[in-house]
Protein backbone atom coordinates (compact mmCIF):
# COMPACT_ATOMS: atom_id res chain seq x y z
CA MET A 1 -0.04 0.06 0.01
CA GLY A 2 2.92 2.38 0.63
CA SER A 3 3.10 5.59 2.60
CA THR A 4 -0.17 6.93 1.01
CA GLY A 5 -2.09 4.01 2.40
CA ILE A 6 -0.94 4.56 6.03
CA TYR A 7 -1.90 8.24 5.83
CA PHE A 8 -5.31 7.20 4.43
CA VAL A 9 -5.91 4.63 7.16
CA THR A 10 -4.72 7.04 9.79
CA ALA A 11 -7.10 9.64 8.62
CA LEU A 12 -9.91 7.12 8.69
CA ILE A 13 -9.00 6.17 12.28
CA ILE A 14 -9.11 9.82 13.44
CA LEU A 15 -12.42 10.36 11.78
CA VAL A 16 -13.94 7.25 13.41
CA CYS A 17 -12.50 8.34 16.73
CA ILE A 18 -14.02 11.75 16.46
CA LEU A 19 -17.44 10.16 15.60
CA LEU A 20 -17.12 7.67 18.38
CA ILE A 21 -16.39 10.35 20.90
CA LEU A 22 -19.48 12.35 19.69
CA VAL A 23 -21.75 9.39 19.90
CA VAL A 24 -20.57 8.48 23.45
CA LEU A 25 -21.03 12.09 24.58
CA VAL A 26 -24.53 12.28 23.39
CA GLN A 27 -25.31 9.14 25.47
CA ASN A 28 -25.91 9.32 29.17
CA SER A 29 -25.81 6.18 31.36
CA LYS A 30 -28.84 7.11 33.27
CA GLY A 31 -31.15 7.60 30.27
CA GLY A 32 -30.43 11.38 29.82
CA GLY A 33 -28.41 12.85 26.99
CA LEU A 34 -30.10 13.19 23.60
CA ALA A 35 -32.85 10.84 24.77
CA ALA A 36 -33.88 13.13 27.56
CA ASN A 37 -34.90 15.84 25.27
CA PHE A 38 -37.81 14.19 24.02
CA GLY A 39 -41.26 14.83 25.52
CA ALA A 40 -43.03 12.35 27.83
CA SER A 41 -45.38 11.42 24.99
CA ASN A 42 -42.55 9.90 23.04
CA GLN A 43 -41.36 8.06 26.08
CA VAL A 44 -42.45 4.57 24.97
CA MET A 45 -41.25 4.56 21.36
CA GLY A 46 -39.04 7.62 20.68
CA VAL A 47 -36.58 7.33 23.40
CA ARG A 48 -36.09 3.63 23.09
CA ARG A 49 -35.35 3.94 19.34
CA THR A 50 -32.98 6.78 19.95
CA THR A 51 -31.15 4.67 22.57
CA ASP A 52 -31.05 1.67 20.31
CA PHE A 53 -29.68 3.76 17.46
CA LEU A 54 -26.83 5.24 19.59
CA GLU A 55 -25.98 1.84 21.04
CA LYS A 56 -25.72 0.39 17.60
CA ALA A 57 -23.71 3.42 16.38
CA THR A 58 -21.35 2.92 19.23
CA TRP A 59 -20.72 -0.80 18.57
CA THR A 60 -20.41 -0.15 14.83
CA LEU A 61 -17.83 2.53 15.31
CA ALA A 62 -16.04 0.49 17.78
CA ILE A 63 -15.84 -2.47 15.44
CA ILE A 64 -14.72 -0.11 12.58
CA LEU A 65 -12.06 1.29 14.84
CA LEU A 66 -10.80 -2.26 15.61
CA VAL A 67 -10.62 -3.37 12.06
CA LEU A 68 -8.86 -0.05 10.94
CA SER A 69 -6.33 -0.51 13.69
CA ILE A 70 -5.46 -4.16 12.60
CA VAL A 71 -5.31 -2.81 8.97
CA ALA A 72 -2.96 -0.03 10.12
CA SER A 73 -0.69 -2.48 11.82
CA ALA A 74 -0.64 -4.67 8.67
CA VAL A 75 0.29 -1.82 6.49
CA MET A 76 3.19 -0.72 8.56
C-alpha cells in the first residue's frame, strides 16, 4: 500500500475516533443525554429507538476502529 495507504488509514482512524467520541458524549448512562430531550409522549417509542440507534452506532464505530487498527498495523 505504501506511505499513502498509511496516511489514508490514519485519517480514517481519526475520523472514526471523533465520531465515536461524539456518539458517546450524546449518550448518558442514566437515560439522559439526547434521549432526555424528547417529551413524555414519546417516552415509549421515541426514546427507546434513539437509545437503540446510539447503542448500535457505538458498537459499529468500535468495530470499525478495531478493524482499521488491525489494517494499520498490517500496512506498517
